[in-house]
Amino acid sequence: MRVEELSADEWVRLRDIRLAALANDGHAFGGNLEAESAYDEAAWREKFGIFTGVIARVGGEDVGFMSVENLKGDFGATCWIGSCWIRPEHRGSGVLKSLFDFVDERAADRDWLIQGLGVWVDNEIAIKAYQRLGFEMMGEKQESTRKPGLYYQRMIRKTQKL
């Protein structure tokens, strides 16, 4: 498995894995497949000005992805993890841990020392996976602004490389 940071010139890889995530597990994200399918190249490239894209590759196939956005967030978070997704056939094989290991190795240089994320409160599988990586639930559940009526739980962890 190889984990790497995407560049804006690799926007097609970002688009393809993001649309696969929305097509397979759209319920797990705040985004919308129909809307994001309509994005043009400029819109996809623009995302690289907002976040760092981290992708895992196995045998020439992109199998996992996450975004990391620098911010000053709740509970001391210095970055926000988003769009975290693993292809179903690769779940449970260490891809998620490898993505976070990559982020942790760069945490001091990138100010990713305290990582925050949000997960739907009914996504128990994801919550347990994040807890195994050291995330703790913080605060009360929050109502989504993108999907009113749905609630997410904030989770925080300090990098494992401190």
C-alpha atoms as a PDB file:
ATOM      1  CA  MET A   1       0.000   0.000   0.000  1.00  0.00           C
ATOM      2  CA  ARG A   2       1.214   3.469  -0.849  1.00  0.00           C
ATOM      3  CA  VAL A   3      -0.204   6.653   0.710  1.00  0.00           C
ATOM      4  CA  GLU A   4       0.479  10.005  -0.907  1.00  0.00           C
ATOM      5  CA  GLU A   5      -0.660  13.581  -1.081  1.00  0.00           C
ATOM      6  CA  LEU A   6      -2.536  14.581  -4.216  1.00  0.00           C
ATOM      7  CA  SER A   7      -1.663  17.694  -6.206  1.00  0.00           C
ATOM      8  CA  ALA A   8      -4.127  19.916  -8.036  1.00  0.00           C
ATOM      9  CA  ASP A   9      -2.897  18.344 -11.294  1.00  0.00           C
ATOM     10  CA  GLU A  10      -4.298  15.037  -9.992  1.00  0.00           C
ATOM     11  CA  TRP A  11      -7.815  16.445  -9.696  1.00  0.00           C
ATOM     12  CA  VAL A  12      -9.211  13.526 -11.745  1.00  0.00           C
ATOM     13  CA  ARG A  13      -8.119  11.076  -9.034  1.00  0.00           C
ATOM     14  CA  LEU A  14      -9.815  13.223  -6.394  1.00  0.00           C
ATOM     15  CA  ARG A  15     -12.968  13.449  -8.497  1.00  0.00           C
ATOM     16  CA  ASP A  16     -13.085   9.729  -9.206  1.00  0.00           C
ATOM     17  CA  ILE A  17     -12.675   8.572  -5.613  1.00  0.00           C
ATOM     18  CA  ARG A  18     -15.012  11.234  -4.231  1.00  0.00           C
ATOM     19  CA  LEU A  19     -17.754  10.292  -6.717  1.00  0.00           C
ATOM     20  CA  ALA A  20     -17.202   6.588  -5.950  1.00  0.00           C
ATOM     21  CA  ALA A  21     -17.617   7.382  -2.243  1.00  0.00           C
ATOM     22  CA  LEU A  22     -20.843   9.278  -2.869  1.00  0.00           C
ATOM     23  CA  ALA A  23     -22.172   6.567  -5.204  1.00  0.00           C
ATOM     24  CA  ASN A  24     -21.414   3.752  -2.747  1.00  0.00           C
ATOM     25  CA  ASP A  25     -21.943   5.412   0.625  1.00  0.00           C
ATOM     26  CA  GLY A  26     -23.592   8.752  -0.056  1.00  0.00           C
ATOM     27  CA  HIS A  27     -25.530   8.524   3.207  1.00  0.00           C
ATOM     28  CA  ALA A  28     -22.225   8.835   5.099  1.00  0.00           C
ATOM     29  CA  PHE A  29     -21.319  12.245   3.660  1.00  0.00           C
ATOM     30  CA  GLY A  30     -22.635  15.776   3.672  1.00  0.00           C
ATOM     31  CA  GLY A  31     -22.092  16.019  -0.096  1.00  0.00           C
ATOM     32  CA  ASN A  32     -24.402  15.130  -2.949  1.00  0.00           C
ATOM     33  CA  LEU A  33     -23.535  12.843  -5.886  1.00  0.00           C
ATOM     34  CA  GLU A  34     -25.669  14.701  -8.417  1.00  0.00           C
ATOM     35  CA  ALA A  35     -24.254  18.103  -7.513  1.00  0.00           C
ATOM     36  CA  GLU A  36     -20.619  16.982  -7.330  1.00  0.00           C
ATOM     37  CA  SER A  37     -20.903  15.013 -10.583  1.00  0.00           C
ATOM     38  CA  ALA A  38     -21.592  18.331 -12.294  1.00  0.00           C
ATOM     39  CA  TYR A  39     -18.379  19.994 -11.038  1.00  0.00           C
ATOM     40  CA  ASP A  40     -15.963  20.993 -13.778  1.00  0.00           C
ATOM     41  CA  GLU A  41     -12.164  20.806 -13.647  1.00  0.00           C
ATOM     42  CA  ALA A  42     -11.872  24.281 -12.115  1.00  0.00           C
ATOM     43  CA  ALA A  43     -14.208  23.334  -9.256  1.00  0.00           C
ATOM     44  CA  TRP A  44     -12.228  20.177  -8.477  1.00  0.00           C
ATOM     45  CA  ARG A  45      -8.917  22.053  -8.631  1.00  0.00           C
ATOM     46  CA  GLU A  46     -10.314  24.709  -6.302  1.00  0.00           C
ATOM     47  CA  LYS A  47     -10.664  22.103  -3.564  1.00  0.00           C
ATOM     48  CA  PHE A  48      -6.874  21.866  -3.355  1.00  0.00           C
ATOM     49  CA  GLY A  49      -6.840  25.460  -2.086  1.00  0.00           C
ATOM     50  CA  ILE A  50      -9.134  24.421   0.769  1.00  0.00           C
ATOM     51  CA  PHE A  51      -7.687  21.091   1.882  1.00  0.00           C
ATOM     52  CA  THR A  52      -4.893  18.583   1.431  1.00  0.00           C
ATOM     53  CA  GLY A  53      -6.008  15.378  -0.287  1.00  0.00           C
ATOM     54  CA  VAL A  54      -4.461  12.155   1.033  1.00  0.00           C
ATOM     55  CA  ILE A  55      -5.011   8.977  -0.956  1.00  0.00           C
ATOM     56  CA  ALA A  56      -4.129   5.308  -0.442  1.00  0.00           C
ATOM     57  CA  ARG A  57      -3.238   3.141  -3.411  1.00  0.00           C
ATOM     58  CA  VAL A  58      -3.046  -0.650  -3.678  1.00  0.00           C
ATOM     59  CA  GLY A  59      -1.966  -2.407  -6.859  1.00  0.00           C
ATOM     60  CA  GLY A  60      -2.399   0.715  -8.977  1.00  0.00           C
ATOM     61  CA  GLU A  61      -5.940   1.386  -7.665  1.00  0.00           C
ATOM     62  CA  ASP A  62      -6.954   4.281  -5.414  1.00  0.00           C
ATOM     63  CA  VAL A  63      -8.662   2.544  -2.492  1.00  0.00           C
ATOM     64  CA  GLY A  64      -8.987   5.177   0.230  1.00  0.00           C
ATOM     65  CA  PHE A  65      -9.103   8.914   0.652  1.00  0.00           C
ATOM     66  CA  MET A  66      -9.366  11.701   3.209  1.00  0.00           C
ATOM     67  CA  SER A  67      -9.083  15.465   3.188  1.00  0.00           C
ATOM     68  CA  VAL A  68      -7.222  17.454   5.828  1.00  0.00           C
ATOM     69  CA  GLU A  69      -8.126  21.102   6.297  1.00  0.00           C
ATOM     70  CA  ASN A  70      -6.123  23.397   8.561  1.00  0.00           C
ATOM     71  CA  LEU A  71      -8.322  25.338  10.967  1.00  0.00           C
ATOM     72  CA  LYS A  72      -8.711  26.383  14.539  1.00  0.00           C
ATOM     73  CA  GLY A  73     -11.667  24.303  15.631  1.00  0.00           C
ATOM     74  CA  ASP A  74     -13.614  23.140  18.629  1.00  0.00           C
ATOM     75  CA  PHE A  75     -11.805  21.367  21.450  1.00  0.00           C
ATOM     76  CA  GLY A  76      -8.414  22.659  20.281  1.00  0.00           C
ATOM     77  CA  ALA A  77      -8.474  20.987  16.853  1.00  0.00           C
ATOM     78  CA  THR A  78      -5.815  22.338  14.498  1.00  0.00           C
ATOM     79  CA  CYS A  79      -7.166  20.439  11.499  1.00  0.00           C
ATOM     80  CA  TRP A  80     -10.367  18.828  10.317  1.00  0.00           C
ATOM     81  CA  ILE A  81     -10.463  15.421   8.668  1.00  0.00           C
ATOM     82  CA  GLY A  82     -13.168  15.093   6.035  1.00  0.00           C
ATOM     83  CA  SER A  83     -14.351  12.936   3.170  1.00  0.00           C
ATOM     84  CA  CYS A  84     -12.797   9.860   4.759  1.00  0.00           C
ATOM     85  CA  TRP A  85     -13.718   6.785   2.716  1.00  0.00           C
ATOM     86  CA  ILE A  86     -12.348   3.311   1.977  1.00  0.00           C
ATOM     87  CA  ARG A  87     -13.566   1.154  -0.920  1.00  0.00           C
ATOM     88  CA  PRO A  88     -15.750  -1.606   0.591  1.00  0.00           C
ATOM     89  CA  GLU A  89     -13.524  -4.448  -0.603  1.00  0.00           C
ATOM     90  CA  HIS A  90     -10.524  -2.867   1.206  1.00  0.00           C
ATOM     91  CA  ARG A  91     -12.177  -2.133   4.547  1.00  0.00           C
ATOM     92  CA  GLY A  92     -10.565  -3.861   7.489  1.00  0.00           C
ATOM     93  CA  SER A  93      -7.228  -4.183   5.683  1.00  0.00           C
ATOM     94  CA  GLY A  94      -5.376  -1.301   7.351  1.00  0.00           C
ATOM     95  CA  VAL A  95      -6.112   1.429   4.813  1.00  0.00           C
ATOM     96  CA  LEU A  96      -7.654   3.794   7.368  1.00  0.00           C
ATOM     97  CA  LYS A  97      -4.721   3.363   9.743  1.00  0.00           C
ATOM     98  CA  SER A  98      -2.278   3.962   6.878  1.00  0.00           C
ATOM     99  CA  LEU A  99      -4.030   7.208   5.942  1.00  0.00           C
ATOM    100  CA  PHE A 100      -3.833   8.429   9.538  1.00  0.00           C
ATOM    101  CA  ASP A 101      -0.194   7.286   9.867  1.00  0.00           C
ATOM    102  CA  PHE A 102       0.591   9.471   6.828  1.00  0.00           C
ATOM    103  CA  VAL A 103      -1.156  12.449   8.432  1.00  0.00           C
ATOM    104  CA  ASP A 104       0.563  11.825  11.778  1.00  0.00           C
ATOM    105  CA  GLU A 105       4.012  11.730  10.159  1.00  0.00           C
ATOM    106  CA  ARG A 106       3.414  15.240   8.799  1.00  0.00           C
ATOM    107  CA  ALA A 107       1.514  16.577  11.804  1.00  0.00           C
ATOM    108  CA  ALA A 108       4.260  18.711  13.328  1.00  0.00           C
ATOM    109  CA  ASP A 109       5.174  20.385  10.025  1.00  0.00           C
ATOM    110  CA  ARG A 110       1.570  20.936   8.908  1.00  0.00           C
ATOM    111  CA  ASP A 111      -0.065  21.834  12.247  1.00  0.00           C
ATOM    112  CA  TRP A 112      -2.154  18.653  12.186  1.00  0.00           C
ATOM    113  CA  LEU A 113      -1.356  17.850  15.816  1.00  0.00           C
ATOM    114  CA  ILE A 114      -4.935  17.844  17.096  1.00  0.00           C
ATOM    115  CA  GLN A 115      -7.264  16.248  14.580  1.00  0.00           C
ATOM    116  CA  GLY A 116     -11.011  16.695  14.557  1.00  0.00           C
ATOM    117  CA  LEU A 117     -13.731  15.075  12.492  1.00  0.00           C
ATOM    118  CA  GLY A 118     -17.475  14.654  12.408  1.00  0.00           C
ATOM    119  CA  VAL A 119     -19.316  11.369  11.988  1.00  0.00           C
ATOM    120  CA  TRP A 120     -23.050  10.717  11.742  1.00  0.00           C
ATOM    121  CA  VAL A 121     -24.287   9.575  15.140  1.00  0.00           C
ATOM    122  CA  ASP A 122     -25.815   6.394  13.669  1.00  0.00           C
ATOM    123  CA  ASN A 123     -22.595   5.334  11.890  1.00  0.00           C
ATOM    124  CA  GLU A 124     -21.425   3.013  14.647  1.00  0.00           C
ATOM    125  CA  ILE A 125     -18.902   1.202  12.439  1.00  0.00           C
ATOM    126  CA  ALA A 126     -17.070   4.448  11.650  1.00  0.00           C
ATOM    127  CA  ILE A 127     -17.260   5.650  15.254  1.00  0.00           C
ATOM    128  CA  LYS A 128     -15.650   2.411  16.470  1.00  0.00           C
ATOM    129  CA  ALA A 129     -12.970   2.596  13.756  1.00  0.00           C
ATOM    130  CA  TYR A 130     -12.078   6.152  14.774  1.00  0.00           C
ATOM    131  CA  GLN A 131     -12.036   5.180  18.451  1.00  0.00           C
ATOM    132  CA  ARG A 132      -9.548   2.392  17.664  1.00  0.00           C
ATOM    133  CA  LEU A 133      -7.316   5.112  16.201  1.00  0.00           C
ATOM    134  CA  GLY A 134      -7.512   7.156  19.395  1.00  0.00           C
ATOM    135  CA  PHE A 135     -10.394   9.534  18.653  1.00  0.00           C
ATOM    136  CA  GLU A 136     -12.690  10.485  21.513  1.00  0.00           C
ATOM    137  CA  MET A 137     -16.218  11.836  21.266  1.00  0.00           C
ATOM    138  CA  MET A 138     -16.387  15.472  22.282  1.00  0.00           C
ATOM    139  CA  GLY A 139     -19.355  17.661  23.076  1.00  0.00           C
ATOM    140  CA  GLU A 140     -22.970  17.095  22.192  1.00  0.00           C
ATOM    141  CA  LYS A 141     -24.238  15.883  18.838  1.00  0.00           C
ATOM    142  CA  GLN A 142     -24.698  18.674  16.292  1.00  0.00           C
ATOM    143  CA  GLU A 143     -27.372  19.077  13.646  1.00  0.00           C
ATOM    144  CA  SER A 144     -26.022  19.128  10.096  1.00  0.00           C
ATOM    145  CA  THR A 145     -26.391  22.360   8.142  1.00  0.00           C
ATOM    146  CA  ARG A 146     -26.118  20.427   4.854  1.00  0.00           C
ATOM    147  CA  LYS A 147     -28.602  17.724   5.809  1.00  0.00           C
ATOM    148  CA  PRO A 148     -31.067  19.187   8.334  1.00  0.00           C
ATOM    149  CA  GLY A 149     -32.556  16.563  10.625  1.00  0.00           C
ATOM    150  CA  LEU A 150     -29.344  14.517  10.672  1.00  0.00           C
ATOM    151  CA  TYR A 151     -26.861  14.761  13.519  1.00  0.00           C
ATOM    152  CA  TYR A 152     -23.128  14.280  13.696  1.00  0.00           C
ATOM    153  CA  GLN A 153     -20.745  13.701  16.573  1.00  0.00           C
ATOM    154  CA  ARG A 154     -17.449  15.566  16.806  1.00  0.00           C
ATOM    155  CA  MET A 155     -14.438  13.430  17.598  1.00  0.00           C
ATOM    156  CA  ILE A 156     -10.920  14.605  18.485  1.00  0.00           C
ATOM    157  CA  ARG A 157      -7.522  12.988  18.854  1.00  0.00           C
ATOM    158  CA  LYS A 158      -3.953  14.108  19.322  1.00  0.00           C
ATOM    159  CA  THR A 159      -1.555  12.782  16.738  1.00  0.00           C
ATOM    160  CA  GLN A 160       0.060   9.510  17.624  1.00  0.00           C
ATOM    161  CA  LYS A 161       3.482  10.903  16.646  1.00  0.00           C
ATOM    162  CA  LEU A 162       3.898  13.471  19.462  1.00  0.00           C
END
